[in-house]
């Protein structure tokens, strides 16, 4: 699941910010924010929930919620 979350996160980030930034600025941010170890740690946090939506056995979207204390 972490790899799926990573792929969706990078795709969403690119769709949102790529047109406003240079590739050399985006890549380090992606490598830091979306590396598998960091995402796995975030997914393991008690107050973090990742929901994956499927339609006809294909993943259609991702919703991530986090409870802040």
N, C-alpha and C. Protein backbone atom coordinates (compact mmCIF):
# COMPACT_ATOMS: atom_id res chain seq x y z
N UNK A 1 0.81 -1.20 0.00
CA UNK A 1 0.00 0.00 0.00
C UNK A 1 0.85 1.27 0.00
N UNK A 2 2.03 1.20 0.61
CA UNK A 2 2.88 2.39 0.66
C UNK A 2 3.29 2.82 -0.73
N UNK A 3 3.59 1.88 -1.60
CA UNK A 3 4.00 2.24 -2.96
C UNK A 3 2.85 2.89 -3.73
N UNK A 4 1.64 2.40 -3.54
CA UNK A 4 0.47 3.00 -4.19
C UNK A 4 0.28 4.42 -3.68
N UNK A 5 0.39 4.61 -2.37
CA UNK A 5 0.26 5.94 -1.79
C UNK A 5 1.34 6.86 -2.33
N UNK A 6 2.55 6.36 -2.46
CA UNK A 6 3.66 7.15 -3.00
C UNK A 6 3.38 7.59 -4.44
N UNK A 7 2.94 6.67 -5.27
CA UNK A 7 2.64 6.99 -6.67
C UNK A 7 1.54 8.04 -6.78
N UNK A 8 0.49 7.87 -6.00
CA UNK A 8 -0.63 8.83 -6.06
C UNK A 8 -0.19 10.19 -5.53
N UNK A 9 0.60 10.18 -4.48
CA UNK A 9 1.07 11.44 -3.90
C UNK A 9 1.92 12.22 -4.89
N UNK A 10 2.83 11.54 -5.57
CA UNK A 10 3.68 12.19 -6.57
C UNK A 10 2.84 12.70 -7.73
N UNK A 11 1.91 11.89 -8.19
CA UNK A 11 1.04 12.30 -9.29
C UNK A 11 0.22 13.54 -8.92
N UNK A 12 -0.35 13.54 -7.74
CA UNK A 12 -1.14 14.68 -7.27
C UNK A 12 -0.28 15.92 -7.12
N UNK A 13 0.90 15.75 -6.56
CA UNK A 13 1.83 16.87 -6.39
C UNK A 13 2.19 17.46 -7.75
N UNK A 14 2.52 16.59 -8.71
CA UNK A 14 2.87 17.06 -10.06
C UNK A 14 1.72 17.81 -10.72
N UNK A 15 0.53 17.26 -10.62
CA UNK A 15 -0.63 17.91 -11.23
C UNK A 15 -0.89 19.28 -10.61
N UNK A 16 -0.58 19.41 -9.34
CA UNK A 16 -0.85 20.66 -8.63
C UNK A 16 0.26 21.70 -8.82
N UNK A 17 1.52 21.27 -8.77
CA UNK A 17 2.62 22.23 -8.69
C UNK A 17 3.59 22.24 -9.87
N UNK A 18 3.57 21.27 -10.75
CA UNK A 18 4.57 21.19 -11.82
C UNK A 18 4.56 22.40 -12.75
N UNK A 19 3.41 22.92 -13.05
CA UNK A 19 3.33 24.05 -13.99
C UNK A 19 3.90 25.34 -13.39
N UNK A 20 4.04 25.38 -12.08
CA UNK A 20 4.51 26.59 -11.40
C UNK A 20 5.97 26.50 -10.95
N UNK A 21 6.60 25.35 -11.19
CA UNK A 21 7.95 25.13 -10.69
C UNK A 21 8.83 24.46 -11.72
N UNK A 22 10.13 24.59 -11.54
CA UNK A 22 11.10 23.93 -12.40
C UNK A 22 11.29 22.50 -11.91
N UNK A 23 11.52 21.57 -12.84
CA UNK A 23 11.72 20.16 -12.45
C UNK A 23 12.83 19.98 -11.41
N UNK A 24 13.89 20.75 -11.52
CA UNK A 24 14.99 20.60 -10.56
C UNK A 24 14.60 21.05 -9.14
N UNK A 25 13.53 21.82 -9.03
CA UNK A 25 13.03 22.21 -7.71
C UNK A 25 12.01 21.20 -7.18
N UNK A 26 11.29 20.56 -8.06
CA UNK A 26 10.26 19.61 -7.65
C UNK A 26 10.86 18.29 -7.20
N UNK A 27 11.85 17.81 -7.91
CA UNK A 27 12.40 16.48 -7.63
C UNK A 27 12.90 16.33 -6.18
N UNK A 28 13.70 17.26 -5.65
CA UNK A 28 14.15 17.09 -4.25
C UNK A 28 12.98 17.08 -3.26
N UNK A 29 12.00 17.88 -3.53
CA UNK A 29 10.82 17.93 -2.65
C UNK A 29 10.11 16.58 -2.66
N UNK A 30 9.93 16.01 -3.85
CA UNK A 30 9.27 14.72 -3.96
C UNK A 30 10.07 13.62 -3.27
N UNK A 31 11.39 13.65 -3.46
CA UNK A 31 12.24 12.62 -2.85
C UNK A 31 12.18 12.68 -1.33
N UNK A 32 12.04 13.88 -0.79
CA UNK A 32 11.97 14.04 0.66
C UNK A 32 10.57 13.70 1.19
N UNK A 33 9.57 14.29 0.61
CA UNK A 33 8.21 14.15 1.13
C UNK A 33 7.58 12.79 0.84
N UNK A 34 7.97 12.18 -0.26
CA UNK A 34 7.27 10.97 -0.70
C UNK A 34 8.16 9.73 -0.73
N UNK A 35 9.21 9.70 0.08
CA UNK A 35 10.01 8.47 0.10
C UNK A 35 9.26 7.41 0.89
N UNK A 36 9.48 6.17 0.55
CA UNK A 36 8.71 5.06 1.12
C UNK A 36 8.84 4.97 2.63
N UNK A 37 10.02 5.20 3.16
CA UNK A 37 10.22 5.11 4.61
C UNK A 37 9.39 6.16 5.35
N UNK A 38 9.38 7.38 4.84
CA UNK A 38 8.61 8.45 5.48
C UNK A 38 7.11 8.18 5.40
N UNK A 39 6.64 7.75 4.22
CA UNK A 39 5.23 7.46 4.07
C UNK A 39 4.79 6.30 4.97
N UNK A 40 5.63 5.29 5.07
CA UNK A 40 5.30 4.15 5.94
C UNK A 40 5.21 4.60 7.39
N UNK A 41 6.12 5.47 7.80
CA UNK A 41 6.08 6.00 9.17
C UNK A 41 4.79 6.78 9.40
N UNK A 42 4.41 7.61 8.43
CA UNK A 42 3.17 8.37 8.55
C UNK A 42 1.95 7.46 8.58
N UNK A 43 1.97 6.41 7.75
CA UNK A 43 0.85 5.46 7.74
C UNK A 43 0.75 4.71 9.06
N UNK A 44 1.87 4.53 9.75
CA UNK A 44 1.89 3.80 11.01
C UNK A 44 1.44 4.63 12.20
N UNK A 45 1.35 5.94 12.00
CA UNK A 45 0.92 6.82 13.07
C UNK A 45 -0.53 6.52 13.43
N UNK A 46 -0.81 6.42 14.69
CA UNK A 46 -2.15 6.05 15.17
C UNK A 46 -3.22 7.00 14.64
N UNK A 47 -2.94 8.29 14.58
CA UNK A 47 -3.93 9.28 14.18
C UNK A 47 -3.97 9.54 12.68
N UNK A 48 -3.38 8.67 11.89
CA UNK A 48 -3.35 8.85 10.44
C UNK A 48 -4.11 7.72 9.76
N UNK A 49 -4.94 8.07 8.80
CA UNK A 49 -5.73 7.08 8.07
C UNK A 49 -5.61 7.33 6.57
N UNK A 50 -5.32 6.31 5.80
CA UNK A 50 -5.32 6.41 4.34
C UNK A 50 -6.47 5.58 3.81
N UNK A 51 -7.29 6.18 2.98
CA UNK A 51 -8.42 5.47 2.37
C UNK A 51 -8.20 5.42 0.87
N UNK A 52 -8.32 4.26 0.30
CA UNK A 52 -8.18 4.09 -1.13
C UNK A 52 -9.54 3.71 -1.70
N UNK A 53 -9.99 4.43 -2.70
CA UNK A 53 -11.28 4.16 -3.32
C UNK A 53 -11.08 3.35 -4.59
N UNK A 54 -11.91 2.33 -4.77
CA UNK A 54 -11.83 1.48 -5.95
C UNK A 54 -13.16 1.48 -6.69
N UNK A 55 -13.08 1.40 -8.01
CA UNK A 55 -14.27 1.30 -8.84
C UNK A 55 -13.95 0.27 -9.92
N UNK A 56 -14.75 -0.77 -10.03
CA UNK A 56 -14.50 -1.85 -10.98
C UNK A 56 -13.08 -2.40 -10.84
N UNK A 57 -12.67 -2.61 -9.60
CA UNK A 57 -11.38 -3.18 -9.26
C UNK A 57 -10.20 -2.29 -9.65
N UNK A 58 -10.44 -1.06 -10.01
CA UNK A 58 -9.37 -0.14 -10.32
C UNK A 58 -9.39 0.98 -9.29
N UNK A 59 -8.21 1.34 -8.84
CA UNK A 59 -8.11 2.42 -7.88
C UNK A 59 -8.46 3.73 -8.57
N UNK A 60 -9.36 4.49 -7.98
CA UNK A 60 -9.81 5.73 -8.61
C UNK A 60 -9.33 6.98 -7.90
N UNK A 61 -9.05 6.89 -6.62
CA UNK A 61 -8.64 8.09 -5.90
C UNK A 61 -8.09 7.70 -4.54
N UNK A 62 -7.57 8.68 -3.86
CA UNK A 62 -7.02 8.47 -2.54
C UNK A 62 -7.49 9.61 -1.66
N UNK A 63 -7.89 9.26 -0.45
CA UNK A 63 -8.25 10.27 0.54
C UNK A 63 -7.39 9.99 1.77
N UNK A 64 -6.72 11.00 2.25
CA UNK A 64 -5.90 10.83 3.44
C UNK A 64 -6.38 11.78 4.51
N UNK A 65 -6.65 11.25 5.67
CA UNK A 65 -7.10 12.10 6.77
C UNK A 65 -6.11 11.98 7.91
N UNK A 66 -6.00 13.04 8.66
CA UNK A 66 -5.10 13.01 9.82
C UNK A 66 -5.78 13.78 10.95
N UNK A 67 -5.84 13.15 12.11
CA UNK A 67 -6.40 13.80 13.28
C UNK A 67 -5.27 14.55 13.98
N UNK A 68 -5.44 15.83 14.17
CA UNK A 68 -4.43 16.63 14.86
C UNK A 68 -4.83 16.81 16.30
N UNK A 69 -3.90 16.58 17.18
CA UNK A 69 -4.17 16.69 18.62
C UNK A 69 -3.68 18.03 19.11
